[in-house]
N, C-alpha and C. Protein backbone atom coordinates (compact mmCIF):
# COMPACT_ATOMS: atom_id res chain seq x y z
N MET A 1 -86.99 47.37 6.38
CA MET A 1 -86.56 47.72 5.03
C MET A 1 -85.47 48.78 5.10
N ALA A 2 -84.41 48.59 4.34
CA ALA A 2 -83.29 49.53 4.36
C ALA A 2 -83.69 50.86 3.74
N ASN A 3 -83.08 51.92 4.24
CA ASN A 3 -83.32 53.25 3.69
C ASN A 3 -82.69 53.37 2.30
N ALA A 4 -83.27 54.21 1.47
CA ALA A 4 -82.65 54.52 0.18
C ALA A 4 -81.32 55.22 0.43
N GLU A 5 -80.49 55.27 -0.62
CA GLU A 5 -79.15 55.84 -0.45
C GLU A 5 -78.92 57.09 -1.30
N ASN A 6 -79.95 57.57 -1.99
CA ASN A 6 -79.76 58.70 -2.90
C ASN A 6 -79.52 60.00 -2.16
N ALA A 7 -78.52 60.73 -2.60
CA ALA A 7 -78.24 62.05 -2.04
C ALA A 7 -79.02 63.11 -2.80
N PHE A 8 -79.37 64.20 -2.12
CA PHE A 8 -80.05 65.33 -2.78
C PHE A 8 -79.67 66.65 -2.14
N GLY A 9 -78.69 66.63 -1.25
CA GLY A 9 -78.28 67.85 -0.58
C GLY A 9 -79.25 68.22 0.53
N LEU A 10 -79.43 69.52 0.73
CA LEU A 10 -80.37 70.05 1.71
C LEU A 10 -81.65 70.47 1.00
N ARG A 11 -82.77 70.04 1.51
CA ARG A 11 -84.07 70.34 0.88
C ARG A 11 -84.96 71.06 1.89
N PRO A 12 -85.39 72.30 1.62
CA PRO A 12 -86.25 73.00 2.58
C PRO A 12 -87.62 72.33 2.69
N VAL A 13 -88.10 72.18 3.94
CA VAL A 13 -89.39 71.51 4.13
C VAL A 13 -90.40 72.35 4.90
N ARG A 14 -89.95 73.21 5.82
CA ARG A 14 -90.88 74.04 6.59
C ARG A 14 -90.09 75.09 7.35
N HIS A 15 -90.82 76.07 7.87
CA HIS A 15 -90.21 77.03 8.78
C HIS A 15 -90.11 76.39 10.17
N PHE A 16 -89.18 76.91 10.97
CA PHE A 16 -88.93 76.33 12.29
C PHE A 16 -90.17 76.42 13.18
N ASN A 17 -91.02 77.43 12.95
CA ASN A 17 -92.22 77.60 13.78
C ASN A 17 -93.37 76.69 13.34
N GLY A 18 -93.14 75.84 12.34
CA GLY A 18 -94.15 74.90 11.87
C GLY A 18 -94.89 75.34 10.62
N ALA A 19 -94.76 76.60 10.23
CA ALA A 19 -95.42 77.08 9.02
C ALA A 19 -94.79 76.41 7.80
N PRO A 20 -95.57 76.13 6.76
CA PRO A 20 -95.02 75.49 5.57
C PRO A 20 -94.08 76.43 4.82
N TRP A 21 -93.07 75.86 4.20
CA TRP A 21 -92.22 76.64 3.30
C TRP A 21 -92.90 76.68 1.95
N ASN A 22 -93.17 77.87 1.44
CA ASN A 22 -93.94 78.02 0.22
C ASN A 22 -93.10 78.38 -0.99
N GLY A 23 -91.80 78.12 -0.91
CA GLY A 23 -90.94 78.32 -2.07
C GLY A 23 -90.25 79.67 -2.13
N GLN A 24 -90.26 80.43 -1.04
CA GLN A 24 -89.63 81.75 -1.05
C GLN A 24 -88.11 81.62 -1.24
N THR A 25 -87.58 82.37 -2.19
CA THR A 25 -86.15 82.35 -2.46
C THR A 25 -85.68 83.75 -2.84
N ILE A 26 -84.36 83.92 -2.91
CA ILE A 26 -83.78 85.15 -3.43
C ILE A 26 -82.88 84.79 -4.61
N ARG A 27 -82.69 85.77 -5.50
CA ARG A 27 -81.86 85.56 -6.68
C ARG A 27 -80.39 85.80 -6.33
N CYS A 28 -79.53 84.85 -6.66
CA CYS A 28 -78.10 84.96 -6.38
C CYS A 28 -77.29 84.69 -7.64
N TYR A 29 -76.05 85.10 -7.59
CA TYR A 29 -75.17 85.10 -8.77
C TYR A 29 -73.96 84.22 -8.55
N LEU A 30 -73.68 83.36 -9.53
CA LEU A 30 -72.49 82.53 -9.56
C LEU A 30 -71.64 82.98 -10.73
N ALA A 31 -70.44 83.43 -10.45
CA ALA A 31 -69.60 84.06 -11.47
C ALA A 31 -68.88 83.04 -12.34
N ALA A 32 -68.53 83.47 -13.55
CA ALA A 32 -67.79 82.61 -14.47
C ALA A 32 -66.42 82.27 -13.93
N GLY A 33 -65.89 83.09 -13.03
CA GLY A 33 -64.58 82.82 -12.46
C GLY A 33 -64.57 81.81 -11.34
N ASP A 34 -65.75 81.33 -10.96
CA ASP A 34 -65.86 80.35 -9.87
C ASP A 34 -65.71 78.95 -10.46
N SER A 35 -64.70 78.21 -10.01
CA SER A 35 -64.35 76.93 -10.62
C SER A 35 -65.04 75.73 -10.00
N THR A 36 -66.02 75.96 -9.13
CA THR A 36 -66.72 74.86 -8.47
C THR A 36 -68.08 74.62 -9.12
N ALA A 37 -68.33 73.42 -9.61
CA ALA A 37 -69.66 73.08 -10.13
C ALA A 37 -70.66 73.11 -8.98
N MET A 38 -71.88 73.56 -9.25
CA MET A 38 -72.89 73.71 -8.22
C MET A 38 -74.17 72.98 -8.60
N PHE A 39 -74.88 72.49 -7.60
CA PHE A 39 -76.05 71.65 -7.82
C PHE A 39 -77.20 72.06 -6.90
N ILE A 40 -78.41 71.64 -7.26
CA ILE A 40 -79.58 71.90 -6.43
C ILE A 40 -79.41 71.16 -5.10
N GLY A 41 -79.56 71.90 -4.02
CA GLY A 41 -79.35 71.33 -2.69
C GLY A 41 -78.02 71.67 -2.08
N ASP A 42 -77.14 72.32 -2.86
CA ASP A 42 -75.84 72.74 -2.32
C ASP A 42 -76.00 73.96 -1.42
N PRO A 43 -75.34 73.97 -0.26
CA PRO A 43 -75.32 75.19 0.56
C PRO A 43 -74.33 76.19 0.00
N VAL A 44 -74.67 77.48 0.10
CA VAL A 44 -73.81 78.54 -0.42
C VAL A 44 -73.56 79.58 0.65
N ALA A 45 -72.48 80.36 0.42
CA ALA A 45 -72.12 81.47 1.30
C ALA A 45 -71.85 82.69 0.43
N LEU A 46 -71.82 83.85 1.05
CA LEU A 46 -71.45 85.07 0.33
C LEU A 46 -70.04 84.93 -0.23
N THR A 47 -69.86 85.34 -1.47
CA THR A 47 -68.55 85.21 -2.08
C THR A 47 -67.52 86.08 -1.37
N THR A 48 -66.28 85.62 -1.36
CA THR A 48 -65.18 86.41 -0.80
C THR A 48 -64.30 86.98 -1.90
N GLU A 49 -64.71 86.82 -3.16
CA GLU A 49 -63.94 87.33 -4.29
C GLU A 49 -64.65 88.54 -4.90
N ALA A 50 -63.97 89.69 -4.94
CA ALA A 50 -64.58 90.90 -5.48
C ALA A 50 -65.00 90.72 -6.94
N ASP A 51 -64.23 89.94 -7.70
CA ASP A 51 -64.54 89.73 -9.11
C ASP A 51 -65.76 88.84 -9.31
N ASP A 52 -66.24 88.20 -8.25
CA ASP A 52 -67.39 87.30 -8.36
C ASP A 52 -68.69 87.94 -7.88
N ILE A 53 -68.67 89.25 -7.69
CA ILE A 53 -69.87 89.99 -7.35
C ILE A 53 -70.44 90.60 -8.63
N PRO A 54 -71.74 90.48 -8.91
CA PRO A 54 -72.28 91.02 -10.17
C PRO A 54 -72.01 92.52 -10.30
N THR A 55 -71.65 92.94 -11.51
CA THR A 55 -71.25 94.33 -11.73
C THR A 55 -72.39 95.32 -11.50
N ASP A 56 -73.64 94.88 -11.71
CA ASP A 56 -74.76 95.81 -11.49
C ASP A 56 -75.16 95.89 -10.02
N GLY A 57 -74.60 95.02 -9.19
CA GLY A 57 -74.86 95.06 -7.75
C GLY A 57 -76.27 94.69 -7.34
N LYS A 58 -77.07 94.12 -8.26
CA LYS A 58 -78.48 93.87 -7.97
C LYS A 58 -78.77 92.46 -7.47
N SER A 59 -77.75 91.61 -7.40
CA SER A 59 -77.92 90.26 -6.89
C SER A 59 -76.77 89.94 -5.94
N ILE A 60 -76.94 88.98 -5.09
CA ILE A 60 -75.90 88.58 -4.15
C ILE A 60 -74.96 87.59 -4.83
N GLY A 61 -73.67 87.86 -4.79
CA GLY A 61 -72.69 86.91 -5.30
C GLY A 61 -72.43 85.83 -4.27
N VAL A 62 -72.52 84.57 -4.69
CA VAL A 62 -72.35 83.45 -3.75
C VAL A 62 -71.32 82.47 -4.26
N MET A 63 -70.90 81.59 -3.36
CA MET A 63 -69.95 80.53 -3.67
C MET A 63 -70.31 79.32 -2.83
N ALA A 64 -69.67 78.20 -3.09
CA ALA A 64 -69.92 77.01 -2.29
C ALA A 64 -69.55 77.27 -0.83
N ALA A 65 -70.39 76.84 0.09
CA ALA A 65 -70.14 77.04 1.52
C ALA A 65 -69.24 75.93 2.05
N THR A 66 -68.53 76.23 3.12
CA THR A 66 -67.79 75.20 3.85
C THR A 66 -68.79 74.34 4.61
N ILE A 67 -68.71 73.01 4.41
CA ILE A 67 -69.74 72.14 4.98
C ILE A 67 -69.24 71.28 6.14
N THR A 68 -68.00 71.49 6.55
CA THR A 68 -67.45 70.67 7.62
C THR A 68 -67.44 71.43 8.94
N ASP A 69 -66.45 72.29 9.16
CA ASP A 69 -66.32 72.96 10.44
C ASP A 69 -66.17 74.47 10.22
N ALA A 70 -66.84 75.24 11.05
CA ALA A 70 -66.74 76.70 11.04
C ALA A 70 -67.18 77.33 9.73
N GLY A 71 -68.07 76.67 9.02
CA GLY A 71 -68.57 77.21 7.76
C GLY A 71 -69.86 77.99 7.95
N LEU A 72 -69.90 79.21 7.42
CA LEU A 72 -71.12 80.01 7.45
C LEU A 72 -71.96 79.70 6.21
N ILE A 73 -73.28 79.61 6.38
CA ILE A 73 -74.17 79.24 5.28
C ILE A 73 -75.24 80.31 5.10
N LEU A 74 -75.24 80.92 3.91
CA LEU A 74 -76.27 81.90 3.57
C LEU A 74 -77.60 81.22 3.29
N GLY A 75 -77.56 80.14 2.54
CA GLY A 75 -78.77 79.42 2.17
C GLY A 75 -78.45 78.24 1.29
N VAL A 76 -79.47 77.72 0.63
CA VAL A 76 -79.36 76.50 -0.16
C VAL A 76 -79.96 76.73 -1.55
N ILE A 77 -79.26 76.28 -2.57
CA ILE A 77 -79.73 76.43 -3.95
C ILE A 77 -80.96 75.55 -4.19
N THR A 78 -82.02 76.16 -4.76
CA THR A 78 -83.23 75.39 -5.08
C THR A 78 -83.44 75.24 -6.59
N SER A 79 -82.81 76.10 -7.40
CA SER A 79 -82.94 75.99 -8.86
C SER A 79 -81.92 76.89 -9.53
N PHE A 80 -81.76 76.70 -10.84
CA PHE A 80 -80.89 77.55 -11.66
C PHE A 80 -81.72 78.18 -12.77
N GLU A 81 -81.42 79.44 -13.06
CA GLU A 81 -82.12 80.12 -14.14
C GLU A 81 -81.47 79.77 -15.47
N PRO A 82 -82.27 79.46 -16.51
CA PRO A 82 -81.69 79.25 -17.84
C PRO A 82 -81.17 80.57 -18.40
N SER A 83 -80.21 80.48 -19.30
CA SER A 83 -79.68 81.67 -19.96
C SER A 83 -79.49 81.37 -21.44
N GLU A 84 -79.08 82.35 -22.20
CA GLU A 84 -78.84 82.14 -23.63
C GLU A 84 -77.72 81.14 -23.87
N ASP A 85 -76.79 81.07 -22.95
CA ASP A 85 -75.62 80.21 -23.13
C ASP A 85 -75.74 78.86 -22.45
N TYR A 86 -76.51 78.79 -21.34
CA TYR A 86 -76.55 77.56 -20.55
C TYR A 86 -77.99 77.26 -20.13
N ASN A 87 -78.36 75.99 -20.26
CA ASN A 87 -79.71 75.58 -19.89
C ASN A 87 -79.70 74.21 -19.22
N THR A 88 -78.63 73.94 -18.46
CA THR A 88 -78.51 72.66 -17.78
C THR A 88 -79.21 72.72 -16.42
N VAL A 89 -79.48 71.52 -15.85
CA VAL A 89 -80.15 71.46 -14.55
C VAL A 89 -79.19 71.69 -13.40
N TYR A 90 -77.91 71.79 -13.70
CA TYR A 90 -76.91 72.13 -12.70
C TYR A 90 -76.07 73.27 -13.27
N ARG A 91 -75.17 73.81 -12.46
CA ARG A 91 -74.29 74.87 -12.93
C ARG A 91 -72.86 74.32 -13.05
N ALA A 92 -72.38 74.23 -14.28
CA ALA A 92 -71.04 73.73 -14.53
C ALA A 92 -70.00 74.70 -14.00
N ALA A 93 -68.82 74.19 -13.68
CA ALA A 93 -67.73 75.04 -13.22
C ALA A 93 -67.38 76.10 -14.26
N ASP A 94 -66.99 77.26 -13.79
CA ASP A 94 -66.51 78.35 -14.65
C ASP A 94 -67.58 78.85 -15.62
N THR A 95 -68.83 78.80 -15.23
CA THR A 95 -69.90 79.35 -16.06
C THR A 95 -70.72 80.33 -15.22
N GLU A 96 -71.13 81.40 -15.85
CA GLU A 96 -71.95 82.42 -15.18
C GLU A 96 -73.40 81.98 -15.16
N ARG A 97 -73.98 81.86 -13.98
CA ARG A 97 -75.39 81.49 -13.84
C ARG A 97 -76.01 82.24 -12.68
N TYR A 98 -77.32 82.43 -12.78
CA TYR A 98 -78.09 82.92 -11.65
C TYR A 98 -78.83 81.72 -11.04
N CYS A 99 -78.97 81.73 -9.74
CA CYS A 99 -79.67 80.65 -9.06
C CYS A 99 -80.64 81.24 -8.04
N GLN A 100 -81.60 80.43 -7.62
CA GLN A 100 -82.52 80.80 -6.55
C GLN A 100 -82.06 80.12 -5.27
N VAL A 101 -82.03 80.88 -4.19
CA VAL A 101 -81.50 80.38 -2.92
C VAL A 101 -82.53 80.57 -1.81
N CYS A 102 -82.78 79.51 -1.06
CA CYS A 102 -83.62 79.58 0.14
C CYS A 102 -82.73 79.97 1.31
N LEU A 103 -82.98 81.13 1.90
CA LEU A 103 -82.16 81.60 3.01
C LEU A 103 -82.27 80.66 4.21
N ALA A 104 -81.16 80.53 4.93
CA ALA A 104 -81.07 79.52 5.98
C ALA A 104 -81.65 79.95 7.32
N ASN A 105 -82.06 81.21 7.43
CA ASN A 105 -82.31 81.79 8.75
C ASN A 105 -83.27 81.01 9.65
N ASP A 106 -84.42 80.58 9.15
CA ASP A 106 -85.40 79.92 10.04
C ASP A 106 -86.05 78.72 9.37
N ILE A 107 -85.31 78.06 8.49
CA ILE A 107 -85.86 76.95 7.71
C ILE A 107 -85.38 75.60 8.24
N VAL A 108 -86.30 74.65 8.31
CA VAL A 108 -85.93 73.27 8.58
C VAL A 108 -85.64 72.60 7.24
N PHE A 109 -84.48 71.98 7.14
CA PHE A 109 -84.07 71.29 5.92
C PHE A 109 -84.05 69.78 6.16
N ARG A 110 -84.22 69.04 5.07
CA ARG A 110 -84.11 67.58 5.12
C ARG A 110 -82.84 67.16 4.41
N ILE A 111 -82.14 66.19 4.97
CA ILE A 111 -80.88 65.72 4.40
C ILE A 111 -80.73 64.23 4.68
N ARG A 112 -80.08 63.53 3.76
CA ARG A 112 -79.86 62.10 3.96
C ARG A 112 -78.51 61.85 4.62
N GLY A 113 -78.46 60.86 5.49
CA GLY A 113 -77.21 60.47 6.11
C GLY A 113 -76.32 59.72 5.13
N CYS A 114 -75.01 59.80 5.37
CA CYS A 114 -74.05 59.24 4.41
C CYS A 114 -73.87 57.73 4.52
N GLY A 115 -74.39 57.11 5.59
CA GLY A 115 -74.33 55.65 5.68
C GLY A 115 -73.15 55.11 6.44
N GLU A 116 -72.35 55.97 7.03
CA GLU A 116 -71.22 55.52 7.84
C GLU A 116 -71.57 55.68 9.32
N GLY A 117 -70.86 54.96 10.16
CA GLY A 117 -71.12 55.08 11.59
C GLY A 117 -72.40 54.37 11.99
N THR A 118 -72.92 54.70 13.17
CA THR A 118 -74.11 54.05 13.71
C THR A 118 -75.08 55.11 14.21
N PRO A 119 -76.05 55.52 13.39
CA PRO A 119 -77.01 56.54 13.83
C PRO A 119 -77.81 56.08 15.05
N VAL A 120 -78.02 57.01 15.98
CA VAL A 120 -78.78 56.69 17.20
C VAL A 120 -79.76 57.82 17.48
N ASN A 121 -80.79 57.50 18.26
CA ASN A 121 -81.83 58.49 18.54
C ASN A 121 -81.30 59.65 19.38
N THR A 122 -80.22 59.44 20.11
CA THR A 122 -79.67 60.52 20.95
C THR A 122 -78.90 61.56 20.15
N TRP A 123 -78.87 61.45 18.83
CA TRP A 123 -78.31 62.52 18.00
C TRP A 123 -79.21 63.74 17.98
N GLN A 124 -80.43 63.62 18.43
CA GLN A 124 -81.32 64.79 18.48
C GLN A 124 -80.67 65.92 19.28
N GLY A 125 -80.65 67.11 18.70
CA GLY A 125 -80.09 68.26 19.37
C GLY A 125 -78.60 68.41 19.22
N MET A 126 -77.93 67.45 18.59
CA MET A 126 -76.49 67.53 18.42
C MET A 126 -76.12 68.28 17.13
N ASN A 127 -74.88 68.69 17.07
CA ASN A 127 -74.35 69.38 15.90
C ASN A 127 -73.76 68.36 14.94
N ALA A 128 -73.79 68.70 13.64
CA ALA A 128 -73.29 67.75 12.65
C ALA A 128 -72.59 68.47 11.51
N ARG A 129 -71.65 67.77 10.90
CA ARG A 129 -71.00 68.20 9.68
C ARG A 129 -71.73 67.60 8.49
N MET A 130 -71.32 68.02 7.29
CA MET A 130 -71.80 67.40 6.06
C MET A 130 -70.61 66.85 5.28
N THR A 131 -70.90 65.97 4.34
CA THR A 131 -69.89 65.44 3.45
C THR A 131 -70.43 65.48 2.03
N ALA A 132 -69.55 65.69 1.05
CA ALA A 132 -70.02 65.92 -0.32
C ALA A 132 -69.77 64.76 -1.26
N GLY A 133 -69.12 63.71 -0.84
CA GLY A 133 -68.91 62.58 -1.73
C GLY A 133 -68.12 62.95 -2.97
N SER A 134 -68.53 62.40 -4.10
CA SER A 134 -67.78 62.58 -5.35
C SER A 134 -68.34 63.69 -6.22
N GLY A 135 -69.31 64.43 -5.76
CA GLY A 135 -69.88 65.51 -6.56
C GLY A 135 -71.31 65.23 -6.95
N GLY A 136 -72.04 66.29 -7.33
CA GLY A 136 -73.45 66.16 -7.67
C GLY A 136 -73.69 65.47 -8.99
N SER A 137 -74.96 65.24 -9.31
CA SER A 137 -75.35 64.55 -10.53
C SER A 137 -75.61 65.54 -11.66
N THR A 138 -74.93 65.35 -12.79
CA THR A 138 -75.18 66.19 -13.96
C THR A 138 -76.44 65.77 -14.70
N VAL A 139 -77.03 64.65 -14.29
CA VAL A 139 -78.27 64.16 -14.91
C VAL A 139 -79.49 64.73 -14.18
N THR A 140 -79.53 64.55 -12.86
CA THR A 140 -80.66 65.06 -12.07
C THR A 140 -80.46 66.50 -11.62
N GLY A 141 -79.21 66.95 -11.59
CA GLY A 141 -78.90 68.28 -11.09
C GLY A 141 -78.84 68.36 -9.58
N LEU A 142 -78.93 67.21 -8.88
CA LEU A 142 -79.00 67.21 -7.43
C LEU A 142 -77.63 67.11 -6.78
N SER A 143 -77.51 67.74 -5.63
CA SER A 143 -76.29 67.77 -4.84
C SER A 143 -75.93 66.39 -4.30
N SER A 144 -74.65 66.20 -4.01
CA SER A 144 -74.19 64.97 -3.36
C SER A 144 -74.00 65.17 -1.85
N VAL A 145 -74.34 66.34 -1.33
CA VAL A 145 -74.12 66.64 0.08
C VAL A 145 -75.02 65.76 0.96
N MET A 146 -74.41 65.18 2.02
CA MET A 146 -75.13 64.34 2.96
C MET A 146 -74.70 64.69 4.39
N LEU A 147 -75.51 64.30 5.35
CA LEU A 147 -75.13 64.45 6.74
C LEU A 147 -74.04 63.46 7.07
N ASP A 148 -72.98 63.91 7.72
CA ASP A 148 -71.84 63.06 8.04
C ASP A 148 -72.15 62.21 9.26
N GLU A 149 -72.34 60.91 9.03
CA GLU A 149 -72.61 59.96 10.11
C GLU A 149 -71.36 59.18 10.51
N GLY A 150 -70.19 59.60 10.00
CA GLY A 150 -68.97 58.82 10.14
C GLY A 150 -68.57 58.54 11.57
N THR A 151 -67.84 57.45 11.75
CA THR A 151 -67.44 57.04 13.10
C THR A 151 -66.47 58.03 13.72
N GLY A 152 -65.68 58.73 12.91
CA GLY A 152 -64.75 59.72 13.44
C GLY A 152 -65.29 61.12 13.43
N THR A 153 -66.37 61.33 12.70
CA THR A 153 -66.94 62.67 12.55
C THR A 153 -68.44 62.66 12.81
N ALA A 154 -68.88 61.75 13.64
CA ALA A 154 -70.31 61.64 13.95
C ALA A 154 -70.80 62.89 14.67
N PRO A 155 -72.10 63.14 14.63
CA PRO A 155 -72.66 64.29 15.35
C PRO A 155 -72.25 64.30 16.81
N THR A 156 -71.99 65.51 17.32
CA THR A 156 -71.55 65.69 18.70
C THR A 156 -71.94 67.10 19.14
N ASN A 157 -71.51 67.49 20.31
CA ASN A 157 -71.78 68.85 20.79
C ASN A 157 -70.62 69.75 20.38
N ASP A 158 -70.73 70.35 19.21
CA ASP A 158 -69.67 71.20 18.67
C ASP A 158 -70.33 72.37 17.95
N GLN A 159 -70.39 73.52 18.59
CA GLN A 159 -71.16 74.63 18.05
C GLN A 159 -70.56 75.25 16.80
N SER A 160 -69.37 74.83 16.39
CA SER A 160 -68.78 75.38 15.17
C SER A 160 -69.21 74.63 13.93
N THR A 161 -69.88 73.49 14.09
CA THR A 161 -70.31 72.72 12.92
C THR A 161 -71.64 73.25 12.40
N PRO A 162 -71.92 73.05 11.08
CA PRO A 162 -72.99 73.84 10.44
C PRO A 162 -74.43 73.37 10.63
N LEU A 163 -74.66 72.19 11.21
CA LEU A 163 -76.03 71.71 11.34
C LEU A 163 -76.39 71.42 12.80
N VAL A 164 -77.68 71.54 13.10
CA VAL A 164 -78.24 71.01 14.34
C VAL A 164 -79.30 69.99 13.95
N ILE A 165 -79.20 68.79 14.47
CA ILE A 165 -80.17 67.73 14.17
C ILE A 165 -81.41 67.90 15.03
N LEU A 166 -82.57 67.92 14.40
CA LEU A 166 -83.83 67.98 15.14
C LEU A 166 -84.33 66.57 15.44
N HIS A 167 -84.49 65.77 14.37
CA HIS A 167 -85.01 64.41 14.55
C HIS A 167 -84.93 63.65 13.23
N VAL A 168 -85.16 62.35 13.30
CA VAL A 168 -85.31 61.54 12.09
C VAL A 168 -86.58 62.00 11.39
N SER A 169 -86.52 62.19 10.08
CA SER A 169 -87.67 62.70 9.33
C SER A 169 -88.86 61.74 9.44
N ASP A 170 -90.02 62.29 9.77
CA ASP A 170 -91.23 61.48 9.93
C ASP A 170 -91.92 61.32 8.58
N VAL A 171 -91.33 60.49 7.73
CA VAL A 171 -91.88 60.22 6.40
C VAL A 171 -91.89 58.72 6.17
N GLU A 172 -92.72 58.30 5.24
CA GLU A 172 -92.89 56.87 4.95
C GLU A 172 -91.57 56.25 4.49
N ASP A 173 -91.33 55.01 4.92
CA ASP A 173 -90.16 54.21 4.52
C ASP A 173 -88.84 54.82 4.98
N ASN A 174 -88.88 55.63 6.04
CA ASN A 174 -87.65 56.17 6.62
C ASN A 174 -87.55 55.66 8.05
N GLU A 175 -86.38 55.13 8.38
CA GLU A 175 -86.19 54.59 9.72
C GLU A 175 -84.81 54.94 10.24
N LEU A 176 -84.66 54.94 11.54
CA LEU A 176 -83.38 55.22 12.18
C LEU A 176 -82.38 54.14 11.77
N GLY A 177 -81.31 54.56 11.12
CA GLY A 177 -80.29 53.63 10.64
C GLY A 177 -79.46 54.28 9.56
N ASP A 178 -78.63 53.50 8.91
CA ASP A 178 -77.79 54.03 7.84
C ASP A 178 -78.64 54.69 6.76
N HIS A 179 -78.17 55.82 6.26
CA HIS A 179 -78.83 56.58 5.19
C HIS A 179 -80.21 57.09 5.58
N ALA A 180 -80.44 57.28 6.87
CA ALA A 180 -81.73 57.84 7.29
C ALA A 180 -81.88 59.27 6.78
N LEU A 181 -83.12 59.70 6.64
CA LEU A 181 -83.41 61.11 6.39
C LEU A 181 -83.52 61.81 7.73
N TRP A 182 -82.90 63.00 7.81
CA TRP A 182 -82.89 63.78 9.04
C TRP A 182 -83.45 65.17 8.78
N ASP A 183 -84.22 65.70 9.74
CA ASP A 183 -84.63 67.10 9.70
C ASP A 183 -83.64 67.89 10.54
N VAL A 184 -83.09 68.95 9.93
CA VAL A 184 -82.03 69.73 10.57
C VAL A 184 -82.30 71.22 10.38
N ILE A 185 -81.63 72.03 11.17
CA ILE A 185 -81.58 73.46 10.94
C ILE A 185 -80.12 73.86 10.78
N ILE A 186 -79.90 75.00 10.12
CA ILE A 186 -78.54 75.49 9.94
C ILE A 186 -78.07 76.14 11.24
N ASN A 187 -76.95 75.67 11.76
CA ASN A 187 -76.41 76.17 13.01
C ASN A 187 -75.61 77.45 12.83
N THR A 188 -75.15 77.71 11.60
CA THR A 188 -74.29 78.87 11.33
C THR A 188 -74.85 79.71 10.19
N PRO A 189 -76.08 80.23 10.33
CA PRO A 189 -76.66 81.06 9.26
C PRO A 189 -75.88 82.36 9.11
N GLN A 190 -75.44 82.65 7.90
CA GLN A 190 -74.50 83.75 7.70
C GLN A 190 -75.08 85.12 8.03
N LEU A 191 -76.36 85.33 7.83
CA LEU A 191 -76.95 86.64 8.07
C LEU A 191 -77.40 86.84 9.51
N LEU A 192 -77.22 85.84 10.35
CA LEU A 192 -77.59 85.97 11.76
C LEU A 192 -76.41 85.86 12.70
N THR A 193 -75.31 85.31 12.23
CA THR A 193 -74.17 85.13 13.11
C THR A 193 -73.57 86.47 13.53
N THR A 194 -72.96 86.49 14.69
CA THR A 194 -72.33 87.72 15.18
C THR A 194 -70.81 87.69 15.03
N THR A 195 -70.28 86.72 14.27
CA THR A 195 -68.85 86.66 14.06
C THR A 195 -68.42 87.69 13.03
N THR A 196 -67.11 87.86 12.87
CA THR A 196 -66.60 88.83 11.89
C THR A 196 -66.90 88.41 10.47
N GLY A 197 -67.30 87.18 10.26
CA GLY A 197 -67.65 86.72 8.93
C GLY A 197 -69.11 86.94 8.59
N ARG A 198 -69.77 87.84 9.31
CA ARG A 198 -71.21 88.00 9.12
C ARG A 198 -71.56 88.32 7.68
N PHE A 199 -70.85 89.27 7.09
CA PHE A 199 -71.09 89.54 5.69
C PHE A 199 -69.87 89.06 4.91
N ILE A 200 -69.32 89.86 4.05
CA ILE A 200 -68.22 89.37 3.23
C ILE A 200 -66.89 89.42 3.98
N GLY A 201 -66.73 90.38 4.88
CA GLY A 201 -65.46 90.49 5.57
C GLY A 201 -64.40 91.03 4.65
N THR A 202 -63.22 90.44 4.66
CA THR A 202 -62.14 90.87 3.79
C THR A 202 -62.32 90.27 2.41
N VAL A 203 -62.54 91.11 1.43
CA VAL A 203 -62.80 90.64 0.08
C VAL A 203 -61.50 90.59 -0.72
N ALA A 204 -61.24 89.45 -1.35
CA ALA A 204 -60.06 89.32 -2.18
C ALA A 204 -60.25 90.11 -3.46
N THR A 205 -59.20 90.76 -3.91
CA THR A 205 -59.28 91.57 -5.14
C THR A 205 -58.49 90.93 -6.25
């Protein structure tokens, strides 16, 4: 039976040590000046724009993370807080919203493959990029981010790419092939990396 093709971004499933993920998140801020629509399952990074940091300093300002090469990932959006002005299941571009983010440090995430290329069992342990397709769903609020299985961008040994593949997800009706579900960890967690981009770095004013 063919795998389903629905995208949902990155979904936290457990800690790397096997302990269950019990929904722990931190509150983060998406500024009205950010022109990128955001969805549940989207990976985020610390904002590089000074104007996109909350004025009270009590929440972390975030933006969409780079999902292809050399992108640092703080965590993954799990929900959006309703406000007096906005109560949608996603965050529209140029709107101020608070979101809950699961930090990437030690979490195993589940992601669907994009359906290109030829998935093989030897992808275990390899690095992978992501692809975002045409954008998330304004109906379900879910991300369009998928694991890049493309023939030119298939998983390989490249430590600058943001994912490490653990294995094909051991769930019912999932099989090795196009649009498989994969269990992955973040290869470039922003709060653990030792690069100069560890925190915000040079902030645009």
